[in-house]
């Protein structure tokens, strides 16, 4: 919906016929160093003067950027804006068209609301005797904001990020507050902020409420624009409130009544032509009565099984047990260096009675296992205030011949050489022995022939 603001002489009255003014885009999001361009047009012949204003966050004053009278000239931009701002367009045609270009964007200087205004081309003795029409967009029945809001990211490699408070543990019946903030260089005024909940890892997430909904059951949302903060308060906690709570920001141009799906890839989802971004999530656990917060009582690393298939791979298993609640994570190190390749950890801890257990597996090559490497399993546990670490380690086995049949190359060469030499000696001895037997037999035969004669 488009409405018009009419400004007239202080002592008189200026009546202006209303008409439609188009200003696009509705909102804009850019990185530092890029160029932003906004367009303004209308079809009212008498209104050949177009003005552009800037209103910075937290400032009610409108600052004139520049204006064009029939056309835009080199001096159309006011002195404070000449470095980065450029005005252009054609105001002499039937359809008046103009644009505002901002080059070399900077987050602190250029994140603001930009307003297009038009007025009639009259030559008046008193400059207040003009009728100016400023375009505004109605966002709700009680709030108006400028047509264009530009957000500039603070670094060319920076993406939209959502910051959330750390995990929480709370007894039943208490109240907690979950905080959400936009990342550096971003303002909540150009986004719609929402809260979602996920009952368990891997389960679908559900829309809880938005910034336009103040209260839902025992959930209450409040937004503090100047502090860039969106808070979710949960009163009279029960075990059913144990969930992962996600704060999400969606570009304000998206239909507020549409639900945003959840996408695991970089926690971003698409809704129409706009994107919504999720924070990492705040995990809230409402403690069960009668069960104390307990760190892992046992962490054990198990060596690879001797029956493991000879595929050149060995699997180490880490088992952590005896902890409550299940606010744990598992990581692996080889020789004090963190590794992620070959790591597979349970998606969630398993409940056993009043405690939990979780397992993690690390698959390495046979060479890594038989090279005297040190393998460490580290389990981090959050007790509600601090994170503690619980480790166990195992050292790889050096190559050996448990059955006595596996030989090294050098030893094999020595054994074969010895065998060859032994065989030669055996042949020589056999020949000598054979010659000796032949000689003895010949002597005996000679003696018998002499006695016969």
Protein backbone atom coordinates (compact mmCIF):
# COMPACT_ATOMS: atom_id res chain seq x y z
CA UNK A 1 0.00 0.00 0.00
CA UNK A 2 1.39 3.44 -0.95
CA UNK A 3 0.50 6.61 0.95
CA UNK A 4 1.68 10.19 0.55
CA UNK A 5 3.07 12.79 2.89
CA UNK A 6 2.07 16.33 1.94
CA UNK A 7 4.18 19.30 3.05
CA UNK A 8 2.85 22.81 2.60
CA UNK A 9 3.46 26.43 3.56
CA UNK A 10 3.28 27.04 7.29
CA UNK A 11 0.68 29.79 6.89
CA UNK A 12 -1.26 28.33 4.02
CA UNK A 13 -2.33 25.03 2.62
CA UNK A 14 -1.08 23.15 -0.40
CA UNK A 15 -3.36 20.57 -1.92
CA UNK A 16 -1.77 17.84 -4.01
CA UNK A 17 -3.54 15.22 -5.99
CA UNK A 18 -2.40 11.77 -4.90
CA UNK A 19 -0.82 9.47 -7.45
CA UNK A 20 1.24 6.31 -7.55
CA UNK A 21 5.03 6.42 -7.13
CA UNK A 22 7.08 3.29 -7.67
CA UNK A 23 10.31 2.75 -5.78
CA UNK A 24 12.33 -0.45 -6.15
CA UNK A 25 13.72 -2.62 -4.72
CA UNK A 26 11.76 -2.78 -1.47
CA UNK A 27 14.87 -3.73 0.51
CA UNK A 28 18.48 -4.41 -0.37
CA UNK A 29 21.33 -6.41 1.12
CA UNK A 30 24.90 -5.94 -0.13
CA UNK A 31 28.48 -6.61 0.88
CA UNK A 32 31.02 -3.87 1.45
CA UNK A 33 32.63 -2.55 -1.71
CA UNK A 34 29.65 -3.40 -3.92
CA UNK A 35 27.25 -0.96 -5.63
CA UNK A 36 23.61 -0.50 -4.68
CA UNK A 37 21.08 1.10 -7.01
CA UNK A 38 17.50 2.20 -6.28
CA UNK A 39 14.89 3.32 -8.81
CA UNK A 40 11.99 5.76 -8.51
CA UNK A 41 9.32 6.57 -11.13
CA UNK A 42 5.90 8.20 -11.54
CA UNK A 43 3.68 9.53 -14.32
CA UNK A 44 2.61 12.95 -12.97
CA UNK A 45 3.67 15.58 -15.52
CA UNK A 46 3.92 18.59 -13.18
CA UNK A 47 6.19 16.84 -10.68
CA UNK A 48 9.53 17.20 -12.47
CA UNK A 49 11.65 17.59 -9.32
CA UNK A 50 12.91 14.37 -7.71
CA UNK A 51 14.70 14.36 -4.37
CA UNK A 52 16.51 11.55 -2.52
CA UNK A 53 16.87 11.41 1.28
CA UNK A 54 18.79 9.23 3.70
CA UNK A 55 17.73 8.35 7.25
CA UNK A 56 20.32 6.51 9.34
CA UNK A 57 19.36 3.89 11.97
CA UNK A 58 18.34 5.53 15.25
CA UNK A 59 18.08 8.98 13.63
CA UNK A 60 14.72 10.60 12.87
CA UNK A 61 16.25 13.35 10.72
CA UNK A 62 16.11 13.13 6.92
CA UNK A 63 19.34 14.13 5.19
CA UNK A 64 19.04 15.43 1.63
CA UNK A 65 21.32 13.44 -0.68
CA UNK A 66 20.49 15.47 -3.79
CA UNK A 67 17.82 16.31 -6.32
CA UNK A 68 17.17 16.75 -10.02
CA UNK A 69 15.11 19.46 -11.70
CA UNK A 70 14.03 18.13 -15.09
CA UNK A 71 17.38 16.40 -15.30
CA UNK A 72 20.22 15.34 -13.04
CA UNK A 73 23.45 17.36 -13.33
CA UNK A 74 26.97 16.91 -11.97
CA UNK A 75 26.11 19.13 -9.01
CA UNK A 76 22.85 17.32 -8.21
CA UNK A 77 24.42 15.55 -5.21
CA UNK A 78 25.00 17.45 -1.96
CA UNK A 79 28.61 17.89 -0.85
CA UNK A 80 28.64 15.30 2.01
CA UNK A 81 27.45 12.59 -0.40
CA UNK A 82 29.46 13.34 -3.54
CA UNK A 83 32.16 10.73 -2.91
CA UNK A 84 29.95 7.63 -3.14
CA UNK A 85 26.54 8.78 -4.40
CA UNK A 86 25.33 9.35 -7.95
CA UNK A 87 21.91 10.50 -9.19
CA UNK A 88 20.60 9.92 -12.68
CA UNK A 89 17.49 9.56 -14.81
CA UNK A 90 15.16 11.52 -17.07
CA UNK A 91 12.50 13.78 -15.54
CA UNK A 92 11.38 15.47 -18.79
CA UNK A 93 9.56 12.50 -20.29
CA UNK A 94 5.91 11.70 -19.58
CA UNK A 95 7.00 8.92 -17.21
CA UNK A 96 9.51 10.42 -14.79
CA UNK A 97 12.35 8.02 -14.00
CA UNK A 98 15.29 8.47 -11.65
CA UNK A 99 17.78 6.36 -9.79
CA UNK A 100 20.14 6.57 -6.83
CA UNK A 101 23.47 4.74 -7.04
CA UNK A 102 25.80 4.16 -4.08
CA UNK A 103 29.29 2.94 -4.98
CA UNK A 104 31.94 1.47 -2.69
CA UNK A 105 29.45 0.57 0.03
CA UNK A 106 30.52 0.83 3.68
CA UNK A 107 28.51 -0.74 6.48
CA UNK A 108 28.60 2.10 8.98
CA UNK A 109 28.04 4.91 6.48
CA UNK A 110 25.48 3.42 4.10
CA UNK A 111 23.23 1.09 6.12
CA UNK A 112 20.10 3.27 6.23
CA UNK A 113 16.65 4.00 4.83
CA UNK A 114 16.56 5.74 1.43
CA UNK A 115 13.50 7.77 0.49
CA UNK A 116 12.42 9.10 -2.90
CA UNK A 117 10.41 12.37 -2.88
CA UNK A 118 8.95 14.44 -5.72
CA UNK A 119 7.51 17.95 -6.00
CA UNK A 120 6.12 20.30 -8.61
CA UNK A 121 8.47 22.42 -10.70
CA UNK A 122 7.40 25.91 -9.52
CA UNK A 123 9.48 29.06 -9.28
CA UNK A 124 8.47 30.60 -5.97
CA UNK A 125 9.76 33.46 -3.90
CA UNK A 126 9.35 31.44 -0.74
CA UNK A 127 10.91 27.96 -1.03
CA UNK A 128 8.38 26.70 1.49
CA UNK A 129 5.55 27.32 -0.97
CA UNK A 130 5.95 23.89 -2.53
CA UNK A 131 4.11 20.67 -2.21
CA UNK A 132 6.41 17.68 -1.69
CA UNK A 133 5.20 14.14 -1.97
CA UNK A 134 7.27 11.53 -0.16
CA UNK A 135 6.73 7.85 -0.74
CA UNK A 136 6.23 5.57 2.27
CA UNK A 137 5.32 1.92 2.58
CA UNK A 138 2.85 0.63 5.14
CA UNK A 139 4.30 -2.37 7.02
CA UNK A 140 1.50 -2.76 9.51
CA UNK A 141 -1.66 -0.96 10.51
CA UNK A 142 0.22 1.22 13.00
CA UNK A 143 3.77 1.51 11.68
CA UNK A 144 5.29 3.19 8.63
CA UNK A 145 8.85 2.83 7.33
CA UNK A 146 10.77 4.11 4.35
CA UNK A 147 10.41 2.26 1.10
CA UNK A 148 14.02 1.12 0.85
CA UNK A 149 16.19 -0.21 3.62
CA UNK A 150 19.77 -1.00 2.68
CA UNK A 151 21.92 -3.34 4.78
CA UNK A 152 25.63 -3.48 4.02
CA UNK A 153 27.73 -6.43 5.20
CA UNK A 154 30.99 -5.45 6.86
CA UNK A 155 33.27 -7.71 4.78
CA UNK A 156 33.18 -9.05 1.26
CA UNK A 157 33.45 -12.64 2.56
CA UNK A 158 30.94 -12.16 5.37
CA UNK A 159 27.55 -13.84 5.21
CA UNK A 160 24.37 -13.25 7.15
CA UNK A 161 24.86 -14.71 10.62
CA UNK A 162 22.56 -15.19 13.59
CA UNK A 163 24.03 -15.18 17.10
CA UNK A 164 22.28 -17.13 19.86
CA UNK A 165 22.85 -17.65 23.57
CA UNK A 166 24.63 -20.78 24.86
CA UNK A 167 22.88 -23.98 25.93
CA UNK A 168 20.82 -23.88 29.10
CA UNK A 169 19.94 -26.23 31.95
CA UNK A 170 17.02 -25.30 34.19
CA UNK A 171 14.87 -26.89 36.89
CA UNK A 172 11.14 -27.29 36.22
CA UNK A 173 8.91 -24.35 37.09
CA UNK A 174 11.60 -21.76 36.44
CA UNK A 175 11.81 -19.13 33.66
CA UNK A 176 14.55 -18.67 31.06
CA UNK A 177 15.38 -16.10 28.39
CA UNK A 178 16.92 -17.09 25.05
CA UNK A 179 18.76 -14.29 23.27
CA UNK A 180 19.13 -13.73 19.53
CA UNK A 181 21.14 -11.05 17.70
CA UNK A 182 22.08 -10.28 14.12
CA UNK A 183 25.74 -10.62 13.17
CA UNK A 184 28.10 -7.66 12.65
CA UNK A 185 26.98 -5.07 10.11
CA UNK A 186 23.35 -6.23 10.05
CA UNK A 187 20.19 -4.70 11.43
CA UNK A 188 17.00 -6.44 12.48
CA UNK A 189 14.99 -3.65 10.87
CA UNK A 190 15.53 -5.21 7.42
CA UNK A 191 14.60 -8.74 8.52
CA UNK A 192 11.66 -10.54 10.02
CA UNK A 193 12.82 -12.50 13.09
CA UNK A 194 11.28 -15.85 14.03
CA UNK A 195 11.74 -18.56 16.67
CA UNK A 196 11.56 -22.27 15.85
CA UNK A 197 11.88 -25.38 18.02
CA UNK A 198 13.16 -28.89 17.34
CA UNK A 199 12.19 -31.52 19.90
CA UNK A 200 15.18 -33.77 19.23
CA UNK A 201 18.12 -33.90 16.77
CA UNK A 202 16.93 -34.99 13.35
CA UNK A 203 13.26 -34.23 14.05
CA UNK A 204 11.33 -31.65 11.98
CA UNK A 205 11.45 -28.09 13.28
CA UNK A 206 8.26 -26.21 14.05
CA UNK A 207 7.53 -22.48 13.87
CA UNK A 208 7.00 -21.22 17.40
CA UNK A 209 6.32 -17.49 16.93
CA UNK A 210 7.49 -14.37 15.11
CA UNK A 211 8.32 -10.84 16.19
CA UNK A 212 4.72 -9.88 15.34
CA UNK A 213 3.33 -12.37 17.87
CA UNK A 214 3.90 -11.19 21.42
CA UNK A 215 2.65 -14.23 23.32
CA UNK A 216 1.86 -17.88 22.62
CA UNK A 217 1.01 -20.15 25.57
CA UNK A 218 3.85 -19.67 28.08
CA UNK A 219 6.22 -18.30 25.40
CA UNK A 220 6.75 -14.57 25.09
CA UNK A 221 8.82 -12.73 22.46
CA UNK A 222 10.19 -9.20 22.70
CA UNK A 223 12.35 -7.23 20.30
CA UNK A 224 14.71 -4.36 21.08
CA UNK A 225 15.52 -2.67 17.79
CA UNK A 226 18.18 -0.20 19.00
CA UNK A 227 20.06 -3.04 20.73
CA UNK A 228 19.50 -5.38 17.79
CA UNK A 229 18.17 -8.04 20.18
CA UNK A 230 15.26 -10.50 19.95
CA UNK A 231 14.44 -12.39 23.16
CA UNK A 232 12.32 -15.49 23.71
CA UNK A 233 11.11 -15.92 27.30
CA UNK A 234 9.71 -19.25 28.50
CA UNK A 235 7.85 -19.26 31.81
CA UNK A 236 6.83 -22.11 34.12
CA UNK A 237 9.13 -24.64 32.47
CA UNK A 238 8.23 -28.30 32.19
CA UNK A 239 10.08 -31.30 30.75
CA UNK A 240 8.10 -30.88 27.51
CA UNK A 241 9.97 -27.62 26.91
CA UNK A 242 13.30 -29.48 26.50
CA UNK A 243 14.18 -28.74 22.86
CA UNK A 244 16.62 -27.03 20.56
CA UNK A 245 15.42 -23.48 19.86
CA UNK A 246 16.47 -21.82 16.60
CA UNK A 247 16.36 -18.11 15.90
CA UNK A 248 15.90 -17.29 12.21
CA UNK A 249 16.02 -14.08 10.16
CA UNK A 250 14.09 -13.75 6.92
CA UNK A 251 14.29 -10.88 4.50
CA UNK A 252 11.40 -8.54 5.22
CA UNK A 253 10.13 -8.76 1.65
CA UNK A 254 9.00 -12.36 2.21
CA UNK A 255 5.37 -13.15 2.95
CA UNK A 256 5.19 -13.12 6.75
CA UNK A 257 2.40 -15.68 6.86
CA UNK A 258 4.30 -18.33 4.93
CA UNK A 259 6.26 -20.96 6.81
CA UNK A 260 9.95 -21.29 6.12
CA UNK A 261 11.28 -24.80 5.65
CA UNK A 262 14.50 -25.98 7.24
CA UNK A 263 17.65 -26.71 5.27
CA UNK A 264 20.67 -28.33 6.92
CA UNK A 265 23.08 -26.90 4.39
CA UNK A 266 24.62 -23.86 6.16
CA UNK A 267 21.33 -23.55 8.07
CA UNK A 268 19.79 -21.44 5.27
CA UNK A 269 16.42 -21.94 3.66
CA UNK A 270 14.76 -20.40 0.65
CA UNK A 271 11.25 -19.03 0.63
CA UNK A 272 10.29 -17.67 -2.75
CA UNK A 273 13.08 -15.38 -3.93
CA UNK A 274 14.20 -14.57 -0.37
CA UNK A 275 16.38 -16.46 2.03
CA UNK A 276 16.05 -17.13 5.73
CA UNK A 277 19.06 -17.80 7.92
CA UNK A 278 19.15 -19.87 11.11
CA UNK A 279 21.37 -19.57 14.13
CA UNK A 280 23.24 -22.58 15.52
CA UNK A 281 20.47 -23.19 18.03
CA UNK A 282 20.19 -22.99 21.81
CA UNK A 283 19.61 -26.31 23.52
CA UNK A 284 17.38 -26.11 26.57
CA UNK A 285 17.10 -29.06 28.98
CA UNK A 286 14.59 -28.98 31.79
CA UNK A 287 16.11 -31.24 34.46
CA UNK A 288 14.18 -34.19 35.82
CA UNK A 289 13.38 -34.15 39.51
CA UNK A 290 15.65 -36.31 41.65
CA UNK A 291 18.47 -36.66 39.10
CA UNK A 292 21.67 -34.67 39.66
CA UNK A 293 23.82 -33.19 36.91
CA UNK A 294 26.66 -35.70 36.47
CA UNK A 295 29.73 -35.63 34.23
CA UNK A 296 30.81 -38.82 32.38
CA UNK A 297 31.96 -41.37 34.92
CA UNK A 298 33.80 -43.48 32.37
CA UNK A 299 35.48 -42.78 29.04
CA UNK A 300 37.20 -45.74 27.38
CA UNK A 301 38.94 -46.20 24.02
CA UNK A 302 38.82 -49.77 22.68
CA UNK A 303 41.52 -51.06 20.32
CA UNK A 304 40.63 -52.51 16.90
CA UNK A 305 39.34 -56.05 16.84
CA UNK A 306 41.81 -58.75 15.77
CA UNK A 307 39.00 -60.26 13.67
CA UNK A 308 38.54 -57.06 11.68
CA UNK A 309 38.66 -57.72 7.96
CA UNK A 310 42.06 -57.25 6.37
CA UNK A 311 40.95 -54.25 4.26
CA UNK A 312 43.82 -52.04 5.35
CA UNK A 313 41.57 -50.21 7.87
CA UNK A 314 41.38 -50.31 11.65
CA UNK A 315 38.48 -48.98 13.76
CA UNK A 316 38.87 -47.56 17.27
CA UNK A 317 35.79 -47.20 19.46
CA UNK A 318 35.28 -44.61 22.23
CA UNK A 319 32.55 -45.20 24.81
CA UNK A 320 31.46 -42.48 27.29
CA UNK A 321 28.84 -43.33 29.92
CA UNK A 322 27.29 -42.33 33.24
CA UNK A 323 26.48 -38.68 32.42
CA UNK A 324 23.30 -36.59 32.80
CA UNK A 325 21.95 -34.68 30.95
CA UNK A 326 23.13 -35.45 27.42
CA UNK A 327 24.94 -32.17 26.69
CA UNK A 328 28.07 -33.84 25.31
CA UNK A 329 30.20 -33.82 22.19
CA UNK A 330 33.03 -36.15 21.16
CA UNK A 331 36.23 -35.33 19.26
CA UNK A 332 39.36 -37.30 18.30
CA UNK A 333 43.05 -36.41 18.21
CA UNK A 334 46.04 -38.22 16.71
CA UNK A 335 49.34 -37.13 18.23
CA UNK A 336 47.62 -34.04 19.72
CA UNK A 337 46.16 -32.97 16.35
CA UNK A 338 42.36 -32.86 15.99
CA UNK A 339 41.02 -35.06 13.18
CA UNK A 340 37.59 -35.26 11.60
CA UNK A 341 38.23 -37.66 8.72
CA UNK A 342 37.03 -41.15 9.52
CA UNK A 343 35.04 -40.03 12.61
CA UNK A 344 31.48 -41.31 13.10
CA UNK A 345 29.65 -40.36 16.32
CA UNK A 346 26.16 -41.32 17.45
CA UNK A 347 23.64 -38.65 16.44
CA UNK A 348 22.30 -38.63 20.00
CA UNK A 349 23.22 -40.19 23.33
CA UNK A 350 21.27 -43.25 24.46
CA UNK A 351 19.41 -43.26 27.78
CA UNK A 352 20.17 -46.05 30.26
CA UNK A 353 18.22 -45.65 33.48
CA UNK A 354 19.07 -42.26 34.95
CA UNK A 355 22.16 -41.61 32.78
CA UNK A 356 23.27 -41.55 29.16
CA UNK A 357 25.87 -43.29 27.00
CA UNK A 358 27.38 -42.27 23.67
CA UNK A 359 29.85 -43.95 21.33
CA UNK A 360 32.16 -42.62 18.63
CA UNK A 361 34.29 -44.46 16.08
CA UNK A 362 37.56 -43.50 14.40
CA UNK A 363 38.66 -45.43 11.32
CA UNK A 364 42.38 -45.24 10.43
CA UNK A 365 44.70 -47.05 8.05
CA UNK A 366 46.69 -50.07 9.19
CA UNK A 367 49.88 -48.02 8.77
CA UNK A 368 48.58 -45.37 11.20
CA UNK A 369 47.66 -48.02 13.76
CA UNK A 370 51.03 -49.79 13.54
CA UNK A 371 53.18 -46.64 13.77
CA UNK A 372 53.18 -45.98 17.53
CA UNK A 373 50.70 -43.09 17.13
CA UNK A 374 48.75 -41.83 20.15
CA UNK A 375 44.97 -41.75 19.71
CA UNK A 376 42.92 -39.58 22.12
CA UNK A 377 39.13 -39.50 22.54
CA UNK A 378 37.95 -36.25 24.18
CA UNK A 379 34.40 -35.93 25.56
CA UNK A 380 33.18 -32.42 26.44
CA UNK A 381 30.32 -32.09 28.92
CA UNK A 382 28.29 -28.94 29.68
CA UNK A 383 27.06 -28.84 33.28
CA UNK A 384 25.00 -25.66 32.97
CA UNK A 385 27.77 -23.20 33.77
CA UNK A 386 31.06 -24.57 32.40
CA UNK A 387 32.29 -27.20 29.97
CA UNK A 388 34.51 -29.99 31.32
CA UNK A 389 36.64 -32.40 29.27
CA UNK A 390 37.11 -36.11 29.89
CA UNK A 391 39.72 -38.01 27.87
CA UNK A 392 41.10 -41.49 27.29
CA UNK A 393 43.89 -42.54 24.97
CA UNK A 394 45.50 -45.58 23.38
CA UNK A 395 48.79 -46.08 21.56
CA UNK A 396 49.03 -47.92 18.27
CA UNK A 397 50.80 -51.26 18.10
CA UNK A 398 54.23 -51.53 16.44
CA UNK A 399 54.56 -54.16 13.71
CA UNK A 400 55.32 -57.61 15.09
CA UNK A 401 55.06 -61.28 14.16
CA UNK A 402 52.81 -62.83 16.76
CA UNK A 403 52.90 -66.27 15.07
CA UNK A 404 56.66 -66.24 14.30
CA UNK A 405 56.01 -66.69 10.58
CA UNK A 406 56.20 -63.03 9.43
CA UNK A 407 59.76 -61.91 8.63
CA UNK A 408 61.28 -58.62 7.68
CA UNK A 409 62.97 -58.29 4.31
CA UNK A 410 66.50 -58.17 5.74
CA UNK A 411 65.88 -61.15 7.97
CA UNK A 412 64.37 -63.03 5.06
CA UNK A 413 67.46 -62.39 2.93
CA UNK A 414 69.72 -63.56 5.74
CA UNK A 415 67.72 -66.74 6.23
CA UNK A 416 67.66 -67.56 2.50
CA UNK A 417 71.40 -66.93 2.17
CA UNK A 418 72.06 -69.20 5.13
CA UNK A 419 69.80 -71.84 3.61
CA UNK A 420 71.66 -71.67 0.30
CA UNK A 421 75.03 -72.02 2.03
CA UNK A 422 73.78 -74.91 4.13
CA UNK A 423 72.49 -76.63 1.03
CA UNK A 424 75.81 -76.23 -0.78
CA UNK A 425 77.67 -77.61 2.22
CA UNK A 426 75.24 -80.50 2.36
CA UNK A 427 75.85 -81.29 -1.35
CA UNK A 428 79.62 -81.13 -0.91
CA UNK A 429 79.48 -83.38 2.15
CA UNK A 430 77.23 -85.79 0.30
CA UNK A 431 79.68 -85.93 -2.59
CA UNK A 432 82.63 -86.54 -0.27
CA UNK A 433 80.69 -89.18 1.63
CA UNK A 434 79.65 -90.84 -1.62
CA UNK A 435 83.27 -90.83 -2.82
CA UNK A 436 84.41 -92.32 0.47
CA UNK A 437 81.84 -95.13 0.26
CA UNK A 438 82.83 -95.82 -3.33
CA UNK A 439 86.51 -95.97 -2.31
CA UNK A 440 85.75 -98.37 0.59
CA UNK A 441 83.70 -100.62 -1.67
CA UNK A 442 86.44 -100.64 -4.29
CA UNK A 443 89.05 -101.58 -1.68
CA UNK A 444 86.95 -104.45 -0.37
CA UNK A 445 86.37 -105.79 -3.86
CA UNK A 446 90.11 -105.62 -4.64
CA UNK A 447 90.96 -107.56 -1.45
CA UNK A 448 88.54 -110.38 -2.29
CA UNK A 449 89.99 -110.85 -5.79
CA UNK A 450 93.53 -111.12 -4.39
CA UNK A 451 92.48 -113.85 -1.92
CA UNK A 452 90.89 -115.93 -4.68
CA UNK A 453 94.07 -115.96 -6.65
